[in-house]
PDB file of all heavy atoms in Angstrom:
ATOM      1  N   ALA A   1       1.073  -4.132  -9.954  1.00  0.00           N
ATOM      2  CA  ALA A   1       1.482  -2.712  -9.669  1.00  0.00           C
ATOM      3  C   ALA A   1       2.427  -2.728  -8.519  1.00  0.00           C
ATOM      4  O   ALA A   1       2.435  -3.610  -7.719  1.00  0.00           O
ATOM      5  CB  ALA A   1       0.160  -1.906  -9.380  1.00  0.00           C
ATOM      6  N   SER A   2       3.122  -1.625  -8.432  1.00  0.00           N
ATOM      7  CA  SER A   2       4.078  -1.520  -7.253  1.00  0.00           C
ATOM      8  C   SER A   2       4.100   0.008  -6.858  1.00  0.00           C
ATOM      9  O   SER A   2       4.173   0.920  -7.624  1.00  0.00           O
ATOM     10  CB  SER A   2       5.527  -1.889  -7.682  1.00  0.00           C
ATOM     11  OG  SER A   2       6.399  -1.777  -6.584  1.00  0.00           O
ATOM     12  N   VAL A   3       4.065   0.089  -5.445  1.00  0.00           N
ATOM     13  CA  VAL A   3       4.106   1.369  -4.910  1.00  0.00           C
ATOM     14  C   VAL A   3       5.068   1.379  -3.655  1.00  0.00           C
ATOM     15  O   VAL A   3       5.424   0.330  -3.194  1.00  0.00           O
ATOM     16  CB  VAL A   3       2.736   1.900  -4.426  1.00  0.00           C
ATOM     17  CG1 VAL A   3       1.802   2.006  -5.672  1.00  0.00           C
ATOM     18  CG2 VAL A   3       2.166   0.996  -3.368  1.00  0.00           C
ATOM     19  N   THR A   4       5.334   2.506  -3.164  1.00  0.00           N
ATOM     20  CA  THR A   4       6.167   2.665  -1.907  1.00  0.00           C
ATOM     21  C   THR A   4       5.288   2.571  -0.670  1.00  0.00           C
ATOM     22  O   THR A   4       4.131   2.432  -0.814  1.00  0.00           O
ATOM     23  CB  THR A   4       7.041   3.897  -1.921  1.00  0.00           C
ATOM     24  OG1 THR A   4       8.016   3.817  -0.944  1.00  0.00           O
ATOM     25  CG2 THR A   4       6.242   5.183  -1.777  1.00  0.00           C
ATOM     26  N   HIS A   5       5.929   2.725   0.450  1.00  0.00           N
ATOM     27  CA  HIS A   5       5.204   2.600   1.738  1.00  0.00           C
ATOM     28  C   HIS A   5       4.449   3.902   2.030  1.00  0.00           C
ATOM     29  O   HIS A   5       4.587   4.887   1.427  1.00  0.00           O
ATOM     30  CB  HIS A   5       6.173   2.177   2.884  1.00  0.00           C
ATOM     31  CG  HIS A   5       7.303   3.161   2.999  1.00  0.00           C
ATOM     32  ND1 HIS A   5       8.320   2.946   3.977  1.00  0.00           N
ATOM     33  CD2 HIS A   5       7.752   4.233   2.322  1.00  0.00           C
ATOM     34  CE1 HIS A   5       9.239   3.898   3.896  1.00  0.00           C
ATOM     35  NE2 HIS A   5       8.909   4.674   2.865  1.00  0.00           N
ATOM     36  N   GLY A   6       3.603   3.746   3.150  1.00  0.00           N
ATOM     37  CA  GLY A   6       2.905   4.979   3.593  1.00  0.00           C
ATOM     38  C   GLY A   6       2.022   5.657   2.617  1.00  0.00           C
ATOM     39  O   GLY A   6       1.029   4.973   2.225  1.00  0.00           O
ATOM     40  N   PRO A   7       2.190   6.886   2.235  1.00  0.00           N
ATOM     41  CA  PRO A   7       1.380   7.564   1.337  1.00  0.00           C
ATOM     42  C   PRO A   7       1.297   6.862  -0.011  1.00  0.00           C
ATOM     43  O   PRO A   7       0.177   7.043  -0.673  1.00  0.00           O
ATOM     44  CB  PRO A   7       1.893   8.959   1.268  1.00  0.00           C
ATOM     45  CG  PRO A   7       3.310   8.885   1.691  1.00  0.00           C
ATOM     46  CD  PRO A   7       3.329   7.768   2.794  1.00  0.00           C
ATOM     47  N   GLY A   8       2.291   6.251  -0.473  1.00  0.00           N
ATOM     48  CA  GLY A   8       2.217   5.472  -1.693  1.00  0.00           C
ATOM     49  C   GLY A   8       1.175   4.488  -1.681  1.00  0.00           C
ATOM     50  O   GLY A   8       0.360   4.281  -2.580  1.00  0.00           O
ATOM     51  N   LEU A   9       1.005   3.722  -0.513  1.00  0.00           N
ATOM     52  CA  LEU A   9      -0.037   2.697  -0.394  1.00  0.00           C
ATOM     53  C   LEU A   9      -1.400   3.385  -0.125  1.00  0.00           C
ATOM     54  O   LEU A   9      -2.355   2.883  -0.710  1.00  0.00           O
ATOM     55  CB  LEU A   9       0.379   1.749   0.760  1.00  0.00           C
ATOM     56  CG  LEU A   9      -0.632   0.638   1.071  1.00  0.00           C
ATOM     57  CD1 LEU A   9      -0.777  -0.279  -0.211  1.00  0.00           C
ATOM     58  CD2 LEU A   9      -0.215  -0.210   2.203  1.00  0.00           C
ATOM     59  N   THR A  10      -1.447   4.365   0.630  1.00  0.00           N
ATOM     60  CA  THR A  10      -2.759   4.971   0.990  1.00  0.00           C
ATOM     61  C   THR A  10      -3.410   5.524  -0.335  1.00  0.00           C
ATOM     62  O   THR A  10      -4.690   5.556  -0.424  1.00  0.00           O
ATOM     63  CB  THR A  10      -2.680   6.101   1.969  1.00  0.00           C
ATOM     64  OG1 THR A  10      -1.856   7.149   1.539  1.00  0.00           O
ATOM     65  CG2 THR A  10      -2.140   5.560   3.312  1.00  0.00           C
ATOM     66  N   ASN A  11      -2.603   5.982  -1.325  1.00  0.00           N
ATOM     67  CA  ASN A  11      -3.181   6.425  -2.564  1.00  0.00           C
ATOM     68  C   ASN A  11      -3.923   5.363  -3.393  1.00  0.00           C
ATOM     69  O   ASN A  11      -4.545   5.616  -4.341  1.00  0.00           O
ATOM     70  CB  ASN A  11      -2.041   7.178  -3.353  1.00  0.00           C
ATOM     71  CG  ASN A  11      -1.717   8.558  -2.871  1.00  0.00           C
ATOM     72  OD1 ASN A  11      -2.533   9.152  -2.114  1.00  0.00           O
ATOM     73  ND2 ASN A  11      -0.584   9.018  -3.280  1.00  0.00           N
ATOM     74  N   THR A  12      -3.610   4.136  -3.012  1.00  0.00           N
ATOM     75  CA  THR A  12      -4.307   3.095  -3.795  1.00  0.00           C
ATOM     76  C   THR A  12      -5.607   2.560  -3.218  1.00  0.00           C
ATOM     77  O   THR A  12      -6.210   1.618  -3.833  1.00  0.00           O
ATOM     78  CB  THR A  12      -3.299   1.845  -3.885  1.00  0.00           C
ATOM     79  OG1 THR A  12      -3.138   1.214  -2.610  1.00  0.00           O
ATOM     80  CG2 THR A  12      -1.922   2.198  -4.419  1.00  0.00           C
ATOM     81  N   ILE A  13      -6.010   3.096  -2.166  1.00  0.00           N
ATOM     82  CA  ILE A  13      -7.197   2.587  -1.406  1.00  0.00           C
ATOM     83  C   ILE A  13      -8.420   2.471  -2.282  1.00  0.00           C
ATOM     84  O   ILE A  13      -9.154   1.458  -2.272  1.00  0.00           O
ATOM     85  CB  ILE A  13      -7.439   3.367  -0.104  1.00  0.00           C
ATOM     86  CG1 ILE A  13      -6.252   3.301   0.819  1.00  0.00           C
ATOM     87  CG2 ILE A  13      -8.749   2.933   0.557  1.00  0.00           C
ATOM     88  CD1 ILE A  13      -5.935   1.900   1.207  1.00  0.00           C
ATOM     89  N   THR A  14      -8.813   3.511  -2.986  1.00  0.00           N
ATOM     90  CA  THR A  14     -10.049   3.504  -3.857  1.00  0.00           C
ATOM     91  C   THR A  14      -9.899   2.325  -4.894  1.00  0.00           C
ATOM     92  O   THR A  14     -10.921   1.680  -5.068  1.00  0.00           O
ATOM     93  CB  THR A  14     -10.243   4.794  -4.515  1.00  0.00           C
ATOM     94  OG1 THR A  14     -10.526   5.842  -3.514  1.00  0.00           O
ATOM     95  CG2 THR A  14     -11.416   4.780  -5.449  1.00  0.00           C
ATOM     96  N   GLY A  15      -8.754   2.213  -5.484  1.00  0.00           N
ATOM     97  CA  GLY A  15      -8.533   1.230  -6.470  1.00  0.00           C
ATOM     98  C   GLY A  15      -8.612  -0.200  -5.895  1.00  0.00           C
ATOM     99  O   GLY A  15      -9.196  -1.065  -6.455  1.00  0.00           O
ATOM    100  N   LEU A  16      -8.041  -0.334  -4.719  1.00  0.00           N
ATOM    101  CA  LEU A  16      -8.139  -1.702  -4.083  1.00  0.00           C
ATOM    102  C   LEU A  16      -9.545  -2.068  -3.849  1.00  0.00           C
ATOM    103  O   LEU A  16     -10.010  -3.256  -4.103  1.00  0.00           O
ATOM    104  CB  LEU A  16      -7.346  -1.695  -2.820  1.00  0.00           C
ATOM    105  CG  LEU A  16      -5.849  -1.704  -2.832  1.00  0.00           C
ATOM    106  CD1 LEU A  16      -5.207  -1.550  -1.495  1.00  0.00           C
ATOM    107  CD2 LEU A  16      -5.350  -3.006  -3.540  1.00  0.00           C
ATOM    108  N   ILE A  17     -10.391  -1.154  -3.315  1.00  0.00           N
ATOM    109  CA  ILE A  17     -11.826  -1.495  -3.091  1.00  0.00           C
ATOM    110  C   ILE A  17     -12.549  -1.721  -4.332  1.00  0.00           C
ATOM    111  O   ILE A  17     -13.374  -2.659  -4.477  1.00  0.00           O
ATOM    112  CB  ILE A  17     -12.452  -0.306  -2.321  1.00  0.00           C
ATOM    113  CG1 ILE A  17     -11.795  -0.119  -0.876  1.00  0.00           C
ATOM    114  CG2 ILE A  17     -13.965  -0.615  -2.073  1.00  0.00           C
ATOM    115  CD1 ILE A  17     -12.232   1.071  -0.188  1.00  0.00           C
ATOM    116  N   GLU A  18     -12.222  -0.941  -5.424  1.00  0.00           N
ATOM    117  CA  GLU A  18     -12.797  -1.256  -6.710  1.00  0.00           C
ATOM    118  C   GLU A  18     -12.479  -2.610  -7.180  1.00  0.00           C
ATOM    119  O   GLU A  18     -13.373  -3.354  -7.669  1.00  0.00           O
ATOM    120  CB  GLU A  18     -12.344  -0.221  -7.762  1.00  0.00           C
ATOM    121  CG  GLU A  18     -12.705  -0.467  -9.147  1.00  0.00           C
ATOM    122  CD  GLU A  18     -14.140  -0.058  -9.530  1.00  0.00           C
ATOM    123  OE1 GLU A  18     -14.741   0.763  -8.686  1.00  0.00           O
ATOM    124  OE2 GLU A  18     -14.677  -0.514 -10.447  1.00  0.00           O
ATOM    125  N   GLY A  19     -11.211  -3.000  -7.020  1.00  0.00           N
ATOM    126  CA  GLY A  19     -10.843  -4.311  -7.439  1.00  0.00           C
ATOM    127  C   GLY A  19     -11.460  -5.465  -6.614  1.00  0.00           C
ATOM    128  O   GLY A  19     -11.769  -6.589  -7.149  1.00  0.00           O
ATOM    129  N   VAL A  20     -11.628  -5.247  -5.375  1.00  0.00           N
ATOM    130  CA  VAL A  20     -12.358  -6.196  -4.541  1.00  0.00           C
ATOM    131  C   VAL A  20     -13.799  -6.436  -4.963  1.00  0.00           C
ATOM    132  O   VAL A  20     -14.311  -7.554  -5.164  1.00  0.00           O
ATOM    133  CB  VAL A  20     -12.305  -5.780  -3.026  1.00  0.00           C
ATOM    134  CG1 VAL A  20     -13.264  -6.653  -2.215  1.00  0.00           C
ATOM    135  CG2 VAL A  20     -10.868  -5.904  -2.522  1.00  0.00           C
ATOM    136  N   LYS A  21     -14.513  -5.315  -5.203  1.00  0.00           N
ATOM    137  CA  LYS A  21     -15.902  -5.330  -5.580  1.00  0.00           C
ATOM    138  C   LYS A  21     -16.030  -5.915  -6.987  1.00  0.00           C
ATOM    139  O   LYS A  21     -17.048  -6.659  -7.289  1.00  0.00           O
ATOM    140  CB  LYS A  21     -16.491  -3.978  -5.493  1.00  0.00           C
ATOM    141  CG  LYS A  21     -16.738  -3.480  -4.053  1.00  0.00           C
ATOM    142  CD  LYS A  21     -17.286  -2.009  -4.132  1.00  0.00           C
ATOM    143  CE  LYS A  21     -17.651  -1.528  -2.664  1.00  0.00           C
ATOM    144  NZ  LYS A  21     -18.810  -2.206  -2.109  1.00  0.00           N
ATOM    145  N   ALA A  22     -15.068  -5.678  -7.907  1.00  0.00           N
ATOM    146  CA  ALA A  22     -15.156  -6.182  -9.213  1.00  0.00           C
ATOM    147  C   ALA A  22     -14.539  -7.564  -9.322  1.00  0.00           C
ATOM    148  O   ALA A  22     -14.611  -8.206 -10.374  1.00  0.00           O
ATOM    149  CB  ALA A  22     -14.369  -5.214 -10.181  1.00  0.00           C
ATOM    150  N   ARG A  23     -13.937  -8.045  -8.305  1.00  0.00           N
ATOM    151  CA  ARG A  23     -13.364  -9.435  -8.279  1.00  0.00           C
ATOM    152  C   ARG A  23     -12.326  -9.605  -9.325  1.00  0.00           C
ATOM    153  O   ARG A  23     -12.355 -10.486 -10.151  1.00  0.00           O
ATOM    154  CB  ARG A  23     -14.456 -10.459  -8.344  1.00  0.00           C
ATOM    155  CG  ARG A  23     -15.556 -10.297  -7.268  1.00  0.00           C
ATOM    156  CD  ARG A  23     -16.480 -11.469  -7.254  1.00  0.00           C
ATOM    157  NE  ARG A  23     -15.786 -12.674  -6.668  1.00  0.00           N
ATOM    158  CZ  ARG A  23     -15.683 -13.741  -7.351  1.00  0.00           C
ATOM    159  NH1 ARG A  23     -16.107 -13.891  -8.602  1.00  0.00           N
ATOM    160  NH2 ARG A  23     -15.064 -14.817  -6.824  1.00  0.00           N
ATOM    161  N   ILE A  24     -11.299  -8.695  -9.292  1.00  0.00           N
ATOM    162  CA  ILE A  24     -10.225  -8.654 -10.258  1.00  0.00           C
ATOM    163  C   ILE A  24      -8.870  -9.090  -9.563  1.00  0.00           C
ATOM    164  O   ILE A  24      -8.519  -8.483  -8.596  1.00  0.00           O
ATOM    165  CB  ILE A  24     -10.056  -7.294 -10.945  1.00  0.00           C
ATOM    166  CG1 ILE A  24     -11.367  -6.977 -11.646  1.00  0.00           C
ATOM    167  CG2 ILE A  24      -8.861  -7.304 -11.911  1.00  0.00           C
ATOM    168  CD1 ILE A  24     -11.322  -5.511 -12.217  1.00  0.00           C
ATOM    169  N   PRO A  25      -8.140 -10.068 -10.143  1.00  0.00           N
ATOM    170  CA  PRO A  25      -6.941 -10.545  -9.556  1.00  0.00           C
ATOM    171  C   PRO A  25      -5.759  -9.642  -9.906  1.00  0.00           C
ATOM    172  O   PRO A  25      -5.380  -9.479 -11.037  1.00  0.00           O
ATOM    173  CB  PRO A  25      -6.677 -11.885 -10.184  1.00  0.00           C
ATOM    174  CG  PRO A  25      -7.394 -11.853 -11.513  1.00  0.00           C
ATOM    175  CD  PRO A  25      -8.556 -10.898 -11.309  1.00  0.00           C
ATOM    176  N   VAL A  26      -5.234  -8.981  -8.870  1.00  0.00           N
ATOM    177  CA  VAL A  26      -4.008  -8.092  -8.989  1.00  0.00           C
ATOM    178  C   VAL A  26      -3.102  -8.308  -7.823  1.00  0.00           C
ATOM    179  O   VAL A  26      -3.597  -8.534  -6.682  1.00  0.00           O
ATOM    180  CB  VAL A  26      -4.502  -6.586  -9.083  1.00  0.00           C
ATOM    181  CG1 VAL A  26      -3.305  -5.698  -8.815  1.00  0.00           C
ATOM    182  CG2 VAL A  26      -5.143  -6.303 -10.357  1.00  0.00           C
ATOM    183  N   VAL A  27      -1.825  -8.321  -8.077  1.00  0.00           N
ATOM    184  CA  VAL A  27      -0.837  -8.283  -7.007  1.00  0.00           C
ATOM    185  C   VAL A  27      -0.282  -6.829  -6.935  1.00  0.00           C
ATOM    186  O   VAL A  27       0.279  -6.325  -7.910  1.00  0.00           O
ATOM    187  CB  VAL A  27       0.341  -9.211  -7.267  1.00  0.00           C
ATOM    188  CG1 VAL A  27       1.457  -9.055  -6.218  1.00  0.00           C
ATOM    189  CG2 VAL A  27      -0.096 -10.660  -7.157  1.00  0.00           C
ATOM    190  N   LEU A  28      -0.456  -6.207  -5.773  1.00  0.00           N
ATOM    191  CA  LEU A  28       0.107  -4.879  -5.521  1.00  0.00           C
ATOM    192  C   LEU A  28       1.300  -5.043  -4.554  1.00  0.00           C
ATOM    193  O   LEU A  28       1.210  -5.422  -3.418  1.00  0.00           O
ATOM    194  CB  LEU A  28      -0.956  -4.008  -4.834  1.00  0.00           C
ATOM    195  CG  LEU A  28      -0.428  -2.621  -4.385  1.00  0.00           C
ATOM    196  CD1 LEU A  28      -0.017  -1.790  -5.580  1.00  0.00           C
ATOM    197  CD2 LEU A  28      -1.507  -1.855  -3.631  1.00  0.00           C
ATOM    198  N   LEU A  29       2.491  -4.831  -5.164  1.00  0.00           N
ATOM    199  CA  LEU A  29       3.713  -5.037  -4.464  1.00  0.00           C
ATOM    200  C   LEU A  29       4.003  -3.710  -3.719  1.00  0.00           C
ATOM    201  O   LEU A  29       4.281  -2.649  -4.382  1.00  0.00           O
ATOM    202  CB  LEU A  29       4.857  -5.376  -5.335  1.00  0.00           C
ATOM    203  CG  LEU A  29       6.154  -5.801  -4.739  1.00  0.00           C
ATOM    204  CD1 LEU A  29       6.924  -6.727  -5.701  1.00  0.00           C
ATOM    205  CD2 LEU A  29       7.026  -4.614  -4.424  1.00  0.00           C
ATOM    206  N   ALA A  30       3.929  -3.662  -2.429  1.00  0.00           N
ATOM    207  CA  ALA A  30       4.196  -2.454  -1.680  1.00  0.00           C
ATOM    208  C   ALA A  30       5.448  -2.521  -0.808  1.00  0.00           C
ATOM    209  O   ALA A  30       5.527  -3.544  -0.057  1.00  0.00           O
ATOM    210  CB  ALA A  30       2.972  -2.163  -0.720  1.00  0.00           C
ATOM    211  N   GLY A  31       6.335  -1.642  -0.942  1.00  0.00           N
ATOM    212  CA  GLY A  31       7.506  -1.626  -0.029  1.00  0.00           C
ATOM    213  C   GLY A  31       6.967  -1.228   1.402  1.00  0.00           C
ATOM    214  O   GLY A  31       5.893  -0.674   1.521  1.00  0.00           O
ATOM    215  N   ASP A  32       7.733  -1.637   2.342  1.00  0.00           N
ATOM    216  CA  ASP A  32       7.331  -1.272   3.720  1.00  0.00           C
ATOM    217  C   ASP A  32       8.628  -0.856   4.464  1.00  0.00           C
ATOM    218  O   ASP A  32       9.700  -1.103   4.214  1.00  0.00           O
ATOM    219  CB  ASP A  32       6.714  -2.453   4.491  1.00  0.00           C
ATOM    220  CG  ASP A  32       5.895  -2.107   5.637  1.00  0.00           C
ATOM    221  OD1 ASP A  32       5.780  -0.834   5.934  1.00  0.00           O
ATOM    222  OD2 ASP A  32       5.397  -3.004   6.348  1.00  0.00           O
ATOM    223  N   THR A  33       8.278  -0.008   5.579  1.00  0.00           N
ATOM    224  CA  THR A  33       9.284   0.547   6.427  1.00  0.00           C
ATOM    225  C   THR A  33      10.091  -0.553   7.153  1.00  0.00           C
ATOM    226  O   THR A  33       9.380  -1.480   7.752  1.00  0.00           O
ATOM    227  CB  THR A  33       8.713   1.476   7.385  1.00  0.00           C
ATOM    228  OG1 THR A  33       7.865   2.459   6.645  1.00  0.00           O
ATOM    229  CG2 THR A  33       9.787   2.276   8.149  1.00  0.00           C
ATOM    230  N   ALA A  34      11.362  -0.464   7.216  1.00  0.00           N
ATOM    231  CA  ALA A  34      12.098  -1.456   7.987  1.00  0.00           C
ATOM    232  C   ALA A  34      11.901  -1.202   9.495  1.00  0.00           C
ATOM    233  O   ALA A  34      11.547  -0.120   9.915  1.00  0.00           O
ATOM    234  CB  ALA A  34      13.644  -1.294   7.716  1.00  0.00           C
ATOM    235  N   PRO A  35      11.986  -2.240  10.373  1.00  0.00           N
ATOM    236  CA  PRO A  35      11.818  -2.059  11.749  1.00  0.00           C
ATOM    237  C   PRO A  35      12.660  -0.885  12.363  1.00  0.00           C
ATOM    238  O   PRO A  35      12.121  -0.171  13.207  1.00  0.00           O
ATOM    239  CB  PRO A  35      12.277  -3.406  12.348  1.00  0.00           C
ATOM    240  CG  PRO A  35      11.988  -4.380  11.305  1.00  0.00           C
ATOM    241  CD  PRO A  35      12.276  -3.654  10.046  1.00  0.00           C
ATOM    242  N   ALA A  36      13.820  -0.727  11.842  1.00  0.00           N
ATOM    243  CA  ALA A  36      14.637   0.349  12.301  1.00  0.00           C
ATOM    244  C   ALA A  36      14.075   1.815  12.070  1.00  0.00           C
ATOM    245  O   ALA A  36      14.420   2.785  12.693  1.00  0.00           O
ATOM    246  CB  ALA A  36      16.078   0.337  11.799  1.00  0.00           C
ATOM    247  N   GLY A  37      13.160   1.861  11.062  1.00  0.00           N
ATOM    248  CA  GLY A  37      12.558   3.065  10.676  1.00  0.00           C
ATOM    249  C   GLY A  37      11.206   3.355  11.234  1.00  0.00           C
ATOM    250  O   GLY A  37      10.516   4.250  10.853  1.00  0.00           O
ATOM    251  N   ARG A  38      10.768   2.461  12.191  1.00  0.00           N
ATOM    252  CA  ARG A  38       9.451   2.643  12.795  1.00  0.00           C
ATOM    253  C   ARG A  38       9.443   4.013  13.463  1.00  0.00           C
ATOM    254  O   ARG A  38      10.327   4.424  14.181  1.00  0.00           O
ATOM    255  CB  ARG A  38       9.177   1.579  13.813  1.00  0.00           C
ATOM    256  CG  ARG A  38       9.148   0.176  13.218  1.00  0.00           C
ATOM    257  CD  ARG A  38       8.016  -0.009  12.157  1.00  0.00           C
ATOM    258  NE  ARG A  38       7.974  -1.403  11.678  1.00  0.00           N
ATOM    259  CZ  ARG A  38       7.677  -1.788  10.454  1.00  0.00           C
ATOM    260  NH1 ARG A  38       7.383  -0.841   9.547  1.00  0.00           N
ATOM    261  NH2 ARG A  38       7.635  -3.051  10.190  1.00  0.00           N
ATOM    262  N   GLY A  39       8.311   4.712  13.229  1.00  0.00           N
ATOM    263  CA  GLY A  39       8.218   6.056  13.812  1.00  0.00           C
ATOM    264  C   GLY A  39       8.582   7.142  12.790  1.00  0.00           C
ATOM    265  O   GLY A  39       8.347   8.340  13.105  1.00  0.00           O
ATOM    266  N   SER A  40       9.042   6.707  11.684  1.00  0.00           N
ATOM    267  CA  SER A  40       9.373   7.738  10.593  1.00  0.00           C
ATOM    268  C   SER A  40       8.124   8.326   9.990  1.00  0.00           C
ATOM    269  O   SER A  40       6.968   7.724  10.241  1.00  0.00           O
ATOM    270  CB  SER A  40      10.237   7.139   9.461  1.00  0.00           C
ATOM    271  OG  SER A  40       9.482   6.161   8.777  1.00  0.00           O
ATOM    272  N   SER A  41       8.200   9.415   9.195  1.00  0.00           N
ATOM    273  CA  SER A  41       6.969  10.019   8.718  1.00  0.00           C
ATOM    274  C   SER A  41       6.117   9.209   7.831  1.00  0.00           C
ATOM    275  O   SER A  41       4.892   9.330   7.808  1.00  0.00           O
ATOM    276  CB  SER A  41       7.408  11.341   7.997  1.00  0.00           C
ATOM    277  OG  SER A  41       8.213  10.910   6.849  1.00  0.00           O
ATOM    278  N   GLN A  42       6.666   8.196   7.177  1.00  0.00           N
ATOM    279  CA  GLN A  42       5.875   7.402   6.276  1.00  0.00           C
ATOM    280  C   GLN A  42       5.526   5.970   6.788  1.00  0.00           C
ATOM    281  O   GLN A  42       5.026   5.148   6.127  1.00  0.00           O
ATOM    282  CB  GLN A  42       6.612   7.195   4.889  1.00  0.00           C
ATOM    283  CG  GLN A  42       6.752   8.506   4.106  1.00  0.00           C
ATOM    284  CD  GLN A  42       7.349   8.360   2.710  1.00  0.00           C
ATOM    285  OE1 GLN A  42       8.056   7.371   2.533  1.00  0.00           O
ATOM    286  NE2 GLN A  42       7.007   9.303   1.893  1.00  0.00           N
ATOM    287  N   ASP A  43       5.690   5.781   8.113  1.00  0.00           N
ATOM    288  CA  ASP A  43       5.499   4.517   8.674  1.00  0.00           C
ATOM    289  C   ASP A  43       4.067   4.447   9.133  1.00  0.00           C
ATOM    290  O   ASP A  43       3.575   5.273   9.907  1.00  0.00           O
ATOM    291  CB  ASP A  43       6.473   4.279   9.921  1.00  0.00           C
ATOM    292  CG  ASP A  43       6.214   3.013  10.611  1.00  0.00           C
ATOM    293  OD1 ASP A  43       5.827   2.009   9.957  1.00  0.00           O
ATOM    294  OD2 ASP A  43       6.259   3.019  11.931  1.00  0.00           O
ATOM    295  N   ILE A  44       3.358   3.381   8.691  1.00  0.00           N
ATOM    296  CA  ILE A  44       1.935   3.169   9.088  1.00  0.00           C
ATOM    297  C   ILE A  44       1.792   1.647   9.262  1.00  0.00           C
ATOM    298  O   ILE A  44       2.645   0.850   8.804  1.00  0.00           O
ATOM    299  CB  ILE A  44       0.936   3.671   8.116  1.00  0.00           C
ATOM    300  CG1 ILE A  44       1.132   3.025   6.678  1.00  0.00           C
ATOM    301  CG2 ILE A  44       0.899   5.194   8.073  1.00  0.00           C
ATOM    302  CD1 ILE A  44       0.007   3.385   5.706  1.00  0.00           C
ATOM    303  N   SER A  45       0.697   1.158   9.860  1.00  0.00           N
ATOM    304  CA  SER A  45       0.354  -0.167   9.885  1.00  0.00           C
ATOM    305  C   SER A  45      -0.296  -0.560   8.564  1.00  0.00           C
ATOM    306  O   SER A  45      -1.446  -0.397   8.412  1.00  0.00           O
ATOM    307  CB  SER A  45      -0.545  -0.459  11.029  1.00  0.00           C
ATOM    308  OG  SER A  45      -0.938  -1.858  11.046  1.00  0.00           O
TER     309      SER A  45
END
């Protein structure tokens, strides 16, 4: 699966935990904010 940074990633949290508990192998490709964009509205750790 693939999502964007910030809220795109936070929307996957329930599914990620479901996958961990179910022990299912998935790669979630998440874009992330460039260093120059740190502090932007969608920037999170």
